[in-house]
């Protein structure tokens, strides 16, 4: 007879080495104008991807302040590369990318796709770069945090 495991907190720590392919500095990216255009065009109506699912109570700015919605605009939002980060685009296996995103198999077009709406998600600072962020939490924990309020918090 099995019994239920009670709710509990557990520290997680992960360390690994990422092998970034050669790439130009972000400021020299010829497609940065596409990123900037998307940002300017969509910023006013943008909402945190996670907040849209579990509510905006966990959404925060870098200073820990709540990412509030005032006059229809949510504060402290950043544009996240959801699938392929700028810094790794030169290492993309185009055949693998083509499986999920048909039509993106031309090496001269990958940069434009990386800087397109298909590859972007709006995230508040916390869900982007802090303890519960796409760049910090493991993928499995970050994915689950889209559906479980307060799943990830800073370690104390």
Protein backbone atom coordinates (compact mmCIF):
# COMPACT_ATOMS: atom_id res chain seq x y z
CA UNK A 1 0.00 0.00 0.00
CA UNK A 2 1.53 3.32 -1.01
CA UNK A 3 0.99 6.59 0.76
CA UNK A 4 0.93 10.07 -0.60
CA UNK A 5 4.20 12.04 -0.59
CA UNK A 6 3.54 15.21 1.36
CA UNK A 7 4.23 18.62 -0.12
CA UNK A 8 7.86 19.55 0.42
CA UNK A 9 10.59 21.95 -0.68
CA UNK A 10 13.74 20.67 -2.33
CA UNK A 11 16.91 22.56 -3.29
CA UNK A 12 18.02 21.94 -6.86
CA UNK A 13 21.42 22.75 -8.29
CA UNK A 14 22.59 22.24 -11.85
CA UNK A 15 25.94 23.06 -13.37
CA UNK A 16 27.05 22.36 -16.92
CA UNK A 17 29.16 23.77 -19.73
CA UNK A 18 27.49 25.34 -22.77
CA UNK A 19 29.46 25.30 -26.05
CA UNK A 20 28.48 28.50 -27.88
CA UNK A 21 29.27 28.59 -31.60
CA UNK A 22 31.09 31.64 -32.98
CA UNK A 23 28.76 34.62 -33.38
CA UNK A 24 28.85 38.34 -33.95
CA UNK A 25 28.21 40.71 -31.04
CA UNK A 26 24.49 41.42 -30.67
CA UNK A 27 24.97 45.06 -31.71
CA UNK A 28 26.38 43.89 -35.07
CA UNK A 29 23.51 41.50 -35.84
CA UNK A 30 21.97 42.56 -39.18
CA UNK A 31 18.60 41.20 -37.97
CA UNK A 32 18.56 43.18 -34.72
CA UNK A 33 16.39 45.71 -36.51
CA UNK A 34 13.73 42.97 -36.76
CA UNK A 35 13.94 42.35 -33.00
CA UNK A 36 13.70 46.07 -32.33
CA UNK A 37 10.76 46.49 -34.72
CA UNK A 38 8.84 43.60 -33.13
CA UNK A 39 9.56 45.01 -29.68
CA UNK A 40 8.34 48.51 -30.58
CA UNK A 41 5.29 47.22 -32.49
CA UNK A 42 4.02 44.77 -29.85
CA UNK A 43 5.28 46.07 -26.50
CA UNK A 44 2.23 48.09 -25.43
CA UNK A 45 -0.18 45.11 -25.56
CA UNK A 46 2.34 42.49 -24.39
CA UNK A 47 1.76 40.30 -21.34
CA UNK A 48 4.05 37.84 -19.56
CA UNK A 49 3.66 34.36 -21.09
CA UNK A 50 3.58 32.75 -17.63
CA UNK A 51 1.35 35.42 -16.09
CA UNK A 52 -1.25 34.84 -18.81
CA UNK A 53 -1.53 31.26 -17.59
CA UNK A 54 -1.29 31.40 -13.78
CA UNK A 55 -2.05 35.04 -13.09
CA UNK A 56 0.28 37.98 -12.83
CA UNK A 57 0.91 37.75 -9.07
CA UNK A 58 4.30 36.03 -9.56
CA UNK A 59 5.41 38.51 -12.25
CA UNK A 60 8.19 40.78 -11.00
CA UNK A 61 10.73 43.38 -12.06
CA UNK A 62 14.47 43.05 -11.35
CA UNK A 63 14.06 44.87 -8.04
CA UNK A 64 11.36 42.43 -6.87
CA UNK A 65 8.50 44.86 -7.40
CA UNK A 66 5.33 43.40 -8.88
CA UNK A 67 5.16 43.68 -12.65
CA UNK A 68 1.95 45.72 -12.63
CA UNK A 69 -0.47 46.44 -15.43
CA UNK A 70 -1.20 50.16 -15.55
CA UNK A 71 -3.01 51.96 -18.36
CA UNK A 72 -3.10 48.66 -20.26
CA UNK A 73 0.68 48.18 -20.21
CA UNK A 74 2.47 45.54 -18.13
CA UNK A 75 5.73 46.79 -16.62
CA UNK A 76 9.08 44.95 -16.50
CA UNK A 77 8.64 42.85 -19.65
CA UNK A 78 11.45 41.49 -21.76
CA UNK A 79 11.43 39.77 -25.12
CA UNK A 80 12.71 36.19 -24.84
CA UNK A 81 13.99 34.04 -27.71
CA UNK A 82 11.75 31.04 -27.04
CA UNK A 83 13.40 28.36 -29.18
CA UNK A 84 16.75 29.52 -30.54
CA UNK A 85 18.81 32.18 -28.77
CA UNK A 86 20.71 34.70 -30.85
CA UNK A 87 24.10 33.44 -29.55
CA UNK A 88 23.54 29.86 -30.76
CA UNK A 89 21.93 30.46 -34.14
CA UNK A 90 25.16 29.72 -36.03
CA UNK A 91 25.18 26.20 -34.62
CA UNK A 92 21.60 25.27 -35.53
CA UNK A 93 21.14 21.92 -37.29
CA UNK A 94 18.83 23.16 -40.04
CA UNK A 95 17.36 19.70 -40.71
CA UNK A 96 16.38 19.43 -37.04
CA UNK A 97 14.85 22.94 -37.04
CA UNK A 98 12.98 22.11 -40.25
CA UNK A 99 11.12 19.29 -38.45
CA UNK A 100 9.35 21.76 -36.15
CA UNK A 101 9.51 24.89 -38.30
CA UNK A 102 9.16 23.94 -41.98
CA UNK A 103 10.65 26.46 -44.37
CA UNK A 104 13.54 27.51 -42.11
CA UNK A 105 16.22 25.42 -43.75
CA UNK A 106 18.10 28.15 -45.59
CA UNK A 107 21.20 29.20 -43.60
CA UNK A 108 20.79 32.77 -44.88
CA UNK A 109 17.28 32.98 -43.36
CA UNK A 110 17.87 31.53 -39.88
CA UNK A 111 18.90 34.89 -38.43
CA UNK A 112 15.68 36.52 -39.63
CA UNK A 113 13.64 33.65 -38.14
CA UNK A 114 15.51 33.90 -34.82
CA UNK A 115 14.44 37.56 -34.67
CA UNK A 116 10.79 36.90 -35.60
CA UNK A 117 7.55 36.61 -33.64
CA UNK A 118 7.58 32.81 -34.07
CA UNK A 119 10.69 32.69 -31.87
CA UNK A 120 9.63 35.32 -29.29
CA UNK A 121 7.82 35.22 -25.97
CA UNK A 122 7.21 38.15 -23.67
CA UNK A 123 8.32 37.39 -20.12
CA UNK A 124 8.54 39.53 -17.00
CA UNK A 125 12.05 39.87 -15.56
CA UNK A 126 11.37 37.13 -12.97
CA UNK A 127 10.08 34.57 -15.48
CA UNK A 128 12.91 35.47 -17.86
CA UNK A 129 16.14 35.70 -15.81
CA UNK A 130 15.45 35.20 -12.08
CA UNK A 131 15.02 31.97 -10.09
CA UNK A 132 11.83 31.09 -11.96
CA UNK A 133 13.19 32.20 -15.29
CA UNK A 134 13.53 30.53 -18.65
CA UNK A 135 17.30 31.17 -18.44
CA UNK A 136 17.64 29.89 -14.89
CA UNK A 137 15.23 27.09 -13.97
CA UNK A 138 15.54 23.70 -15.65
CA UNK A 139 13.31 23.29 -18.68
CA UNK A 140 11.05 20.81 -16.91
CA UNK A 141 10.60 23.14 -13.91
CA UNK A 142 10.09 26.21 -16.11
CA UNK A 143 7.50 24.39 -18.24
CA UNK A 144 5.64 23.22 -15.12
CA UNK A 145 5.71 26.77 -13.70
CA UNK A 146 3.39 27.79 -16.54
CA UNK A 147 0.67 25.78 -14.81
CA UNK A 148 1.69 25.71 -11.11
CA UNK A 149 1.65 29.04 -9.32
CA UNK A 150 4.71 29.63 -7.12
CA UNK A 151 6.49 26.42 -8.18
CA UNK A 152 9.96 27.98 -8.30
CA UNK A 153 11.31 30.59 -5.88
CA UNK A 154 14.75 31.88 -4.92
CA UNK A 155 16.67 29.50 -2.66
CA UNK A 156 17.21 30.69 0.89
